[in-house]
Amino acid sequence: MPVTDRLSDKNLIELAKQQYENKQRSTVPSVLVPLPSKGQVYPESSALRKGHVEMRYMTAYDEDILTNSTYIKQGVVLDKLVKSLVLDPIDIDDLIIADKEALIIASRVHGYGNEYNVTVLDPKTNKSLNRIMDLTKLQLKSFTLQSNAAGEFDYIAQGIAIKFKYISRKEIELISDDHAVSDFLKSTIKEVNGSRTQADIDHFIKYQMTPVESKTFRKYIADNMPGIVLESEFTGEDGGTFTAGFQIGADFFWA
């Protein structure tokens, strides 16, 4: 029996709608967004490993996502928006925070433009100034670590060889407030002295890793974390220039 004979009229209509949507979306301009991690934090089997993600430009239809009250209450507005715009076969839950931020900023630039109003502090007058930031001038932090095929990195702790990974935001959300350090270590450490069993990793964290080494290891991860430099050069009240950081506010997606 042909496949079409087993599909209901409703299913055929939905299939036709989806095919039409896909065809129309393919006509919307797209852009390749470079990832702060350069793809090194993902396994070679992932489409993210190539170091960039293809995204289509926003359209007016996508504003429905930004104003969806359910998404807003659930705190998933930006997740839904990025998921809608990404053209590559990826799961956005696999993204580390910095890479997801890069996609969010690219969405804003190609939806509402590159100019964003920010408030910065003039170091000479100590006054808050309203300035316009060019989002396309944001720089990526230098990331030079090289991973293996699994997207993991090498580290030596107390003479013991460790392989660790940078965890996704979804994995970060699973970390308990009551066991923040140990949960983080269990999530990021994937191998200890050649063993990948969770029991051996837990044993190392619980009985061998000292607080000093734990702090040093976590600092190493933080210092080498992929990211975006949220600062730029601005003009002060006296006409001189200064460099200042800024925060991305709740109005980020509104011109």
C-alpha atoms as a PDB file:
ATOM      1  CA  MET A   1       0.000   0.000   0.000  1.00  0.00           C
ATOM      2  CA  PRO A   2       1.471   3.406  -0.953  1.00  0.00           C
ATOM      3  CA  VAL A   3       2.495   5.657   1.941  1.00  0.00           C
ATOM      4  CA  THR A   4       0.002   8.311   0.865  1.00  0.00           C
ATOM      5  CA  ASP A   5      -2.848   5.790   1.262  1.00  0.00           C
ATOM      6  CA  ARG A   6      -1.951   5.341   4.904  1.00  0.00           C
ATOM      7  CA  LEU A   7      -1.938   9.056   5.638  1.00  0.00           C
ATOM      8  CA  SER A   8      -5.083  10.901   6.626  1.00  0.00           C
ATOM      9  CA  ASP A   9      -6.211  13.965   4.733  1.00  0.00           C
ATOM     10  CA  LYS A  10      -5.223  16.040   7.768  1.00  0.00           C
ATOM     11  CA  ASN A  11      -1.708  14.635   7.735  1.00  0.00           C
ATOM     12  CA  LEU A  12      -1.371  15.281   4.011  1.00  0.00           C
ATOM     13  CA  ILE A  13      -2.448  18.880   4.489  1.00  0.00           C
ATOM     14  CA  GLU A  14       0.041  19.368   7.333  1.00  0.00           C
ATOM     15  CA  LEU A  15       2.799  17.774   5.254  1.00  0.00           C
ATOM     16  CA  ALA A  16       2.033  20.057   2.324  1.00  0.00           C
ATOM     17  CA  LYS A  17       2.042  23.080   4.640  1.00  0.00           C
ATOM     18  CA  GLN A  18       5.404  22.103   6.089  1.00  0.00           C
ATOM     19  CA  GLN A  19       6.907  21.580   2.648  1.00  0.00           C
ATOM     20  CA  TYR A  20       5.597  24.981   1.588  1.00  0.00           C
ATOM     21  CA  GLU A  21       7.004  26.620   4.741  1.00  0.00           C
ATOM     22  CA  ASN A  22      10.400  25.028   4.178  1.00  0.00           C
ATOM     23  CA  LYS A  23      10.454  26.197   0.570  1.00  0.00           C
ATOM     24  CA  GLN A  24       9.510  29.748   1.512  1.00  0.00           C
ATOM     25  CA  ARG A  25      12.032  29.902   4.353  1.00  0.00           C
ATOM     26  CA  SER A  26      14.763  28.873   1.951  1.00  0.00           C
ATOM     27  CA  THR A  27      14.200  32.164   0.106  1.00  0.00           C
ATOM     28  CA  VAL A  28      14.991  34.232   3.227  1.00  0.00           C
ATOM     29  CA  PRO A  29      18.632  35.451   3.303  1.00  0.00           C
ATOM     30  CA  SER A  30      20.920  33.617   5.718  1.00  0.00           C
ATOM     31  CA  VAL A  31      24.285  34.228   7.361  1.00  0.00           C
ATOM     32  CA  LEU A  32      27.085  32.071   8.769  1.00  0.00           C
ATOM     33  CA  VAL A  33      27.645  32.976  12.420  1.00  0.00           C
ATOM     34  CA  PRO A  34      31.127  32.161  13.797  1.00  0.00           C
ATOM     35  CA  LEU A  35      31.093  30.458  17.202  1.00  0.00           C
ATOM     36  CA  PRO A  36      33.314  31.755  20.037  1.00  0.00           C
ATOM     37  CA  SER A  37      34.322  28.135  20.730  1.00  0.00           C
ATOM     38  CA  LYS A  38      35.360  27.616  17.091  1.00  0.00           C
ATOM     39  CA  GLY A  39      33.454  24.329  17.374  1.00  0.00           C
ATOM     40  CA  GLN A  40      36.251  22.810  19.475  1.00  0.00           C
ATOM     41  CA  VAL A  41      33.954  22.069  22.431  1.00  0.00           C
ATOM     42  CA  TYR A  42      31.778  19.696  20.392  1.00  0.00           C
ATOM     43  CA  PRO A  43      32.485  16.170  19.132  1.00  0.00           C
ATOM     44  CA  GLU A  44      33.462  15.683  15.509  1.00  0.00           C
ATOM     45  CA  SER A  45      30.123  13.956  14.931  1.00  0.00           C
ATOM     46  CA  SER A  46      28.300  17.235  15.622  1.00  0.00           C
ATOM     47  CA  ALA A  47      27.439  19.810  12.943  1.00  0.00           C
ATOM     48  CA  LEU A  48      28.657  22.400  15.463  1.00  0.00           C
ATOM     49  CA  ARG A  49      32.220  21.164  15.111  1.00  0.00           C
ATOM     50  CA  LYS A  50      32.686  23.179  11.893  1.00  0.00           C
ATOM     51  CA  GLY A  51      32.783  26.308  14.043  1.00  0.00           C
ATOM     52  CA  HIS A  52      29.875  28.239  12.588  1.00  0.00           C
ATOM     53  CA  VAL A  53      26.095  28.008  12.337  1.00  0.00           C
ATOM     54  CA  GLU A  54      23.909  29.040   9.425  1.00  0.00           C
ATOM     55  CA  MET A  55      20.953  31.188  10.439  1.00  0.00           C
ATOM     56  CA  ARG A  56      18.289  32.887   8.394  1.00  0.00           C
ATOM     57  CA  TYR A  57      17.406  36.531   8.934  1.00  0.00           C
ATOM     58  CA  MET A  58      14.454  37.384  11.162  1.00  0.00           C
ATOM     59  CA  THR A  59      11.163  38.373   9.582  1.00  0.00           C
ATOM     60  CA  ALA A  60       8.138  40.151  11.048  1.00  0.00           C
ATOM     61  CA  TYR A  61       6.552  36.746  11.602  1.00  0.00           C
ATOM     62  CA  ASP A  62       9.282  35.892  14.124  1.00  0.00           C
ATOM     63  CA  GLU A  63       8.145  38.755  16.363  1.00  0.00           C
ATOM     64  CA  ASP A  64       5.281  36.509  17.433  1.00  0.00           C
ATOM     65  CA  ILE A  65       7.874  34.425  19.251  1.00  0.00           C
ATOM     66  CA  LEU A  66       9.266  37.443  21.093  1.00  0.00           C
ATOM     67  CA  THR A  67       5.793  38.471  22.273  1.00  0.00           C
ATOM     68  CA  ASN A  68       4.485  34.979  23.098  1.00  0.00           C
ATOM     69  CA  SER A  69       3.268  35.239  26.716  1.00  0.00           C
ATOM     70  CA  THR A  70       3.741  31.522  27.391  1.00  0.00           C
ATOM     71  CA  TYR A  71       7.349  31.587  26.198  1.00  0.00           C
ATOM     72  CA  ILE A  72       7.973  34.712  28.284  1.00  0.00           C
ATOM     73  CA  LYS A  73       6.573  33.107  31.446  1.00  0.00           C
ATOM     74  CA  GLN A  74       8.603  29.957  30.858  1.00  0.00           C
ATOM     75  CA  GLY A  75      11.759  31.974  30.136  1.00  0.00           C
ATOM     76  CA  VAL A  76      12.343  30.249  26.791  1.00  0.00           C
ATOM     77  CA  VAL A  77      11.744  33.133  24.370  1.00  0.00           C
ATOM     78  CA  LEU A  78      15.316  33.342  23.096  1.00  0.00           C
ATOM     79  CA  ASP A  79      15.607  29.554  22.887  1.00  0.00           C
ATOM     80  CA  LYS A  80      12.509  29.417  20.702  1.00  0.00           C
ATOM     81  CA  LEU A  81      13.717  32.290  18.527  1.00  0.00           C
ATOM     82  CA  VAL A  82      17.173  30.821  17.914  1.00  0.00           C
ATOM     83  CA  LYS A  83      15.703  27.382  17.232  1.00  0.00           C
ATOM     84  CA  SER A  84      13.382  28.920  14.635  1.00  0.00           C
ATOM     85  CA  LEU A  85      16.203  30.761  12.863  1.00  0.00           C
ATOM     86  CA  VAL A  86      18.908  28.071  12.809  1.00  0.00           C
ATOM     87  CA  LEU A  87      19.123  26.195   9.505  1.00  0.00           C
ATOM     88  CA  ASP A  88      21.759  23.634  10.480  1.00  0.00           C
ATOM     89  CA  PRO A  89      20.722  20.251  11.964  1.00  0.00           C
ATOM     90  CA  ILE A  90      21.672  21.041  15.562  1.00  0.00           C
ATOM     91  CA  ASP A  91      20.053  20.899  18.995  1.00  0.00           C
ATOM     92  CA  ILE A  92      20.408  24.309  20.635  1.00  0.00           C
ATOM     93  CA  ASP A  93      20.447  22.597  24.037  1.00  0.00           C
ATOM     94  CA  ASP A  94      23.909  21.298  23.073  1.00  0.00           C
ATOM     95  CA  LEU A  95      25.296  24.836  22.776  1.00  0.00           C
ATOM     96  CA  ILE A  96      27.585  26.259  25.422  1.00  0.00           C
ATOM     97  CA  ILE A  97      26.474  29.662  26.712  1.00  0.00           C
ATOM     98  CA  ALA A  98      28.936  31.755  24.687  1.00  0.00           C
ATOM     99  CA  ASP A  99      27.988  30.124  21.384  1.00  0.00           C
ATOM    100  CA  LYS A 100      24.303  30.620  22.085  1.00  0.00           C
ATOM    101  CA  GLU A 101      24.948  34.284  22.927  1.00  0.00           C
ATOM    102  CA  ALA A 102      26.663  34.689  19.562  1.00  0.00           C
ATOM    103  CA  LEU A 103      23.553  33.375  17.797  1.00  0.00           C
ATOM    104  CA  ILE A 104      21.307  35.670  19.840  1.00  0.00           C
ATOM    105  CA  ILE A 105      23.404  38.723  18.955  1.00  0.00           C
ATOM    106  CA  ALA A 106      23.427  37.735  15.280  1.00  0.00           C
ATOM    107  CA  SER A 107      19.634  37.361  15.416  1.00  0.00           C
ATOM    108  CA  ARG A 108      19.333  40.892  16.801  1.00  0.00           C
ATOM    109  CA  VAL A 109      21.690  42.375  14.194  1.00  0.00           C
ATOM    110  CA  HIS A 110      19.886  40.782  11.260  1.00  0.00           C
ATOM    111  CA  GLY A 111      16.464  41.497  12.710  1.00  0.00           C
ATOM    112  CA  TYR A 112      16.639  45.014  14.108  1.00  0.00           C
ATOM    113  CA  GLY A 113      20.008  46.326  12.984  1.00  0.00           C
ATOM    114  CA  ASN A 114      23.464  46.650  14.473  1.00  0.00           C
ATOM    115  CA  GLU A 115      22.896  49.771  16.601  1.00  0.00           C
ATOM    116  CA  TYR A 116      22.029  49.207  20.263  1.00  0.00           C
ATOM    117  CA  ASN A 117      21.531  51.861  22.941  1.00  0.00           C
ATOM    118  CA  VAL A 118      23.672  51.268  26.028  1.00  0.00           C
ATOM    119  CA  THR A 119      24.455  53.108  29.255  1.00  0.00           C
ATOM    120  CA  VAL A 120      28.142  53.375  30.178  1.00  0.00           C
ATOM    121  CA  LEU A 121      30.107  55.121  32.923  1.00  0.00           C
ATOM    122  CA  ASP A 122      32.528  57.886  31.907  1.00  0.00           C
ATOM    123  CA  PRO A 123      35.655  57.213  34.030  1.00  0.00           C
ATOM    124  CA  LYS A 124      36.672  60.907  34.007  1.00  0.00           C
ATOM    125  CA  THR A 125      33.368  62.384  35.176  1.00  0.00           C
ATOM    126  CA  ASN A 126      31.875  59.281  36.820  1.00  0.00           C
ATOM    127  CA  LYS A 127      28.637  60.084  34.987  1.00  0.00           C
ATOM    128  CA  SER A 128      26.373  57.610  33.205  1.00  0.00           C
ATOM    129  CA  LEU A 129      26.221  58.283  29.491  1.00  0.00           C
ATOM    130  CA  ASN A 130      23.763  57.057  26.882  1.00  0.00           C
ATOM    131  CA  ARG A 131      25.639  55.852  23.835  1.00  0.00           C
ATOM    132  CA  ILE A 132      25.003  53.781  20.718  1.00  0.00           C
ATOM    133  CA  MET A 133      26.928  50.533  20.366  1.00  0.00           C
ATOM    134  CA  ASP A 134      27.676  48.874  17.033  1.00  0.00           C
ATOM    135  CA  LEU A 135      27.003  45.192  17.738  1.00  0.00           C
ATOM    136  CA  THR A 136      28.951  44.099  14.677  1.00  0.00           C
ATOM    137  CA  LYS A 137      32.139  45.386  16.322  1.00  0.00           C
ATOM    138  CA  LEU A 138      31.948  43.030  19.277  1.00  0.00           C
ATOM    139  CA  GLN A 139      35.024  40.818  19.472  1.00  0.00           C
ATOM    140  CA  LEU A 140      35.309  37.160  20.397  1.00  0.00           C
ATOM    141  CA  LYS A 141      37.611  36.217  23.263  1.00  0.00           C
ATOM    142  CA  SER A 142      40.770  34.425  22.204  1.00  0.00           C
ATOM    143  CA  PHE A 143      40.239  30.671  22.395  1.00  0.00           C
ATOM    144  CA  THR A 144      43.288  28.558  21.631  1.00  0.00           C
ATOM    145  CA  LEU A 145      42.631  25.219  23.359  1.00  0.00           C
ATOM    146  CA  GLN A 146      42.635  22.183  21.065  1.00  0.00           C
ATOM    147  CA  SER A 147      40.245  19.325  21.757  1.00  0.00           C
ATOM    148  CA  ASN A 148      40.187  15.667  20.808  1.00  0.00           C
ATOM    149  CA  ALA A 149      37.587  14.066  18.534  1.00  0.00           C
ATOM    150  CA  ALA A 150      35.105  14.010  21.413  1.00  0.00           C
ATOM    151  CA  GLY A 151      35.397  17.738  22.038  1.00  0.00           C
ATOM    152  CA  GLU A 152      37.344  17.199  25.273  1.00  0.00           C
ATOM    153  CA  PHE A 153      40.472  18.894  26.597  1.00  0.00           C
ATOM    154  CA  ASP A 154      43.521  17.716  28.549  1.00  0.00           C
ATOM    155  CA  TYR A 155      44.471  18.860  32.046  1.00  0.00           C
ATOM    156  CA  ILE A 156      46.875  17.597  34.696  1.00  0.00           C
ATOM    157  CA  ALA A 157      45.692  17.747  38.317  1.00  0.00           C
ATOM    158  CA  GLN A 158      48.010  16.545  41.076  1.00  0.00           C
ATOM    159  CA  GLY A 159      49.920  14.517  38.504  1.00  0.00           C
ATOM    160  CA  ILE A 160      46.708  12.838  37.324  1.00  0.00           C
ATOM    161  CA  ALA A 161      45.645  13.147  33.676  1.00  0.00           C
ATOM    162  CA  ILE A 162      42.150  14.531  33.225  1.00  0.00           C
ATOM    163  CA  LYS A 163      39.970  15.043  30.188  1.00  0.00           C
ATOM    164  CA  PHE A 164      37.248  17.643  30.580  1.00  0.00           C
ATOM    165  CA  LYS A 165      34.610  19.333  28.483  1.00  0.00           C
ATOM    166  CA  TYR A 166      32.804  22.660  28.501  1.00  0.00           C
ATOM    167  CA  ILE A 167      29.227  21.990  29.520  1.00  0.00           C
ATOM    168  CA  SER A 168      26.078  23.399  27.923  1.00  0.00           C
ATOM    169  CA  ARG A 169      23.620  25.730  29.608  1.00  0.00           C
ATOM    170  CA  LYS A 170      21.193  22.824  29.922  1.00  0.00           C
ATOM    171  CA  GLU A 171      23.805  20.858  31.868  1.00  0.00           C
ATOM    172  CA  ILE A 172      24.558  23.901  34.021  1.00  0.00           C
ATOM    173  CA  GLU A 173      20.881  24.117  34.982  1.00  0.00           C
ATOM    174  CA  LEU A 174      21.064  20.565  36.370  1.00  0.00           C
ATOM    175  CA  ILE A 175      23.726  21.552  38.903  1.00  0.00           C
ATOM    176  CA  SER A 176      22.341  21.614  42.436  1.00  0.00           C
ATOM    177  CA  ASP A 177      22.805  24.720  44.562  1.00  0.00           C
ATOM    178  CA  ASP A 178      23.633  22.458  47.511  1.00  0.00           C
ATOM    179  CA  HIS A 179      26.386  20.594  45.599  1.00  0.00           C
ATOM    180  CA  ALA A 180      27.482  23.263  43.131  1.00  0.00           C
ATOM    181  CA  VAL A 181      31.197  22.445  43.076  1.00  0.00           C
ATOM    182  CA  SER A 182      31.027  18.654  43.043  1.00  0.00           C
ATOM    183  CA  ASP A 183      28.133  18.601  40.547  1.00  0.00           C
ATOM    184  CA  PHE A 184      30.077  20.911  38.251  1.00  0.00           C
ATOM    185  CA  LEU A 185      33.179  18.736  38.471  1.00  0.00           C
ATOM    186  CA  LYS A 186      31.162  15.571  37.788  1.00  0.00           C
ATOM    187  CA  SER A 187      29.630  17.204  34.714  1.00  0.00           C
ATOM    188  CA  THR A 188      32.817  18.578  33.218  1.00  0.00           C
ATOM    189  CA  ILE A 189      35.344  15.811  34.017  1.00  0.00           C
ATOM    190  CA  LYS A 190      34.930  12.960  31.540  1.00  0.00           C
ATOM    191  CA  GLU A 191      38.076  10.888  32.193  1.00  0.00           C
ATOM    192  CA  VAL A 192      40.561  10.351  35.024  1.00  0.00           C
ATOM    193  CA  ASN A 193      43.842   8.516  34.355  1.00  0.00           C
ATOM    194  CA  GLY A 194      42.350   6.741  31.360  1.00  0.00           C
ATOM    195  CA  SER A 195      39.147   5.667  33.106  1.00  0.00           C
ATOM    196  CA  ARG A 196      35.799   7.000  31.936  1.00  0.00           C
ATOM    197  CA  THR A 197      33.627   5.230  34.510  1.00  0.00           C
ATOM    198  CA  GLN A 198      31.582   7.603  36.637  1.00  0.00           C
ATOM    199  CA  ALA A 199      32.546   5.655  39.747  1.00  0.00           C
ATOM    200  CA  ASP A 200      36.254   6.364  39.195  1.00  0.00           C
ATOM    201  CA  ILE A 201      35.580  10.020  38.411  1.00  0.00           C
ATOM    202  CA  ASP A 202      33.435  10.372  41.549  1.00  0.00           C
ATOM    203  CA  HIS A 203      36.139   8.656  43.623  1.00  0.00           C
ATOM    204  CA  PHE A 204      38.779  11.093  42.362  1.00  0.00           C
ATOM    205  CA  ILE A 205      36.601  14.119  43.154  1.00  0.00           C
ATOM    206  CA  LYS A 206      35.545  12.825  46.576  1.00  0.00           C
ATOM    207  CA  TYR A 207      38.788  11.357  47.893  1.00  0.00           C
ATOM    208  CA  GLN A 208      41.740  12.675  45.875  1.00  0.00           C
ATOM    209  CA  MET A 209      41.125  16.146  44.473  1.00  0.00           C
ATOM    210  CA  THR A 210      42.093  18.798  47.023  1.00  0.00           C
ATOM    211  CA  PRO A 211      40.133  22.061  47.408  1.00  0.00           C
ATOM    212  CA  VAL A 212      43.170  23.976  46.140  1.00  0.00           C
ATOM    213  CA  GLU A 213      43.401  21.831  42.992  1.00  0.00           C
ATOM    214  CA  SER A 214      39.642  22.035  42.494  1.00  0.00           C
ATOM    215  CA  LYS A 215      39.818  25.831  42.623  1.00  0.00           C
ATOM    216  CA  THR A 216      42.828  25.900  40.288  1.00  0.00           C
ATOM    217  CA  PHE A 217      41.079  23.608  37.804  1.00  0.00           C
ATOM    218  CA  ARG A 218      37.877  25.619  37.833  1.00  0.00           C
ATOM    219  CA  LYS A 219      39.851  28.832  37.346  1.00  0.00           C
ATOM    220  CA  TYR A 220      41.638  27.267  34.374  1.00  0.00           C
ATOM    221  CA  ILE A 221      38.278  26.440  32.814  1.00  0.00           C
ATOM    222  CA  ALA A 222      36.946  29.951  33.468  1.00  0.00           C
ATOM    223  CA  ASP A 223      40.103  31.676  32.203  1.00  0.00           C
ATOM    224  CA  ASN A 224      39.963  29.704  28.963  1.00  0.00           C
ATOM    225  CA  MET A 225      36.200  29.884  28.501  1.00  0.00           C
ATOM    226  CA  PRO A 226      35.031  30.852  25.002  1.00  0.00           C
ATOM    227  CA  GLY A 227      33.134  34.102  25.055  1.00  0.00           C
ATOM    228  CA  ILE A 228      32.226  37.473  23.603  1.00  0.00           C
ATOM    229  CA  VAL A 229      33.872  40.665  24.849  1.00  0.00           C
ATOM    230  CA  LEU A 230      30.961  42.902  25.847  1.00  0.00           C
ATOM    231  CA  GLU A 231      32.907  46.146  25.799  1.00  0.00           C
ATOM    232  CA  SER A 232      33.749  48.820  23.283  1.00  0.00           C
ATOM    233  CA  GLU A 233      35.283  52.242  22.845  1.00  0.00           C
ATOM    234  CA  PHE A 234      33.008  55.205  23.554  1.00  0.00           C
ATOM    235  CA  THR A 235      33.294  58.991  23.364  1.00  0.00           C
ATOM    236  CA  GLY A 236      33.262  60.847  26.686  1.00  0.00           C
ATOM    237  CA  GLU A 237      31.813  64.225  27.547  1.00  0.00           C
ATOM    238  CA  ASP A 238      35.159  65.928  26.891  1.00  0.00           C
ATOM    239  CA  GLY A 239      35.480  64.402  23.425  1.00  0.00           C
ATOM    240  CA  GLY A 240      38.049  61.854  24.520  1.00  0.00           C
ATOM    241  CA  THR A 241      37.517  58.118  24.239  1.00  0.00           C
ATOM    242  CA  PHE A 242      37.384  55.371  26.832  1.00  0.00           C
ATOM    243  CA  THR A 243      36.711  51.654  26.872  1.00  0.00           C
ATOM    244  CA  ALA A 244      33.793  50.351  28.897  1.00  0.00           C
ATOM    245  CA  GLY A 245      31.765  47.230  29.293  1.00  0.00           C
ATOM    246  CA  PHE A 246      28.003  47.131  29.061  1.00  0.00           C
ATOM    247  CA  GLN A 247      25.106  44.819  29.747  1.00  0.00           C
ATOM    248  CA  ILE A 248      22.586  43.464  27.281  1.00  0.00           C
ATOM    249  CA  GLY A 249      19.191  44.453  28.641  1.00  0.00           C
ATOM    250  CA  ALA A 250      15.626  43.199  28.328  1.00  0.00           C
ATOM    251  CA  ASP A 251      15.083  45.617  25.429  1.00  0.00           C
ATOM    252  CA  PHE A 252      17.741  43.895  23.307  1.00  0.00           C
ATOM    253  CA  PHE A 253      15.292  42.848  20.593  1.00  0.00           C
ATOM    254  CA  TRP A 254      13.532  46.150  20.276  1.00  0.00           C
ATOM    255  CA  ALA A 255      14.892  49.006  18.170  1.00  0.00           C
END
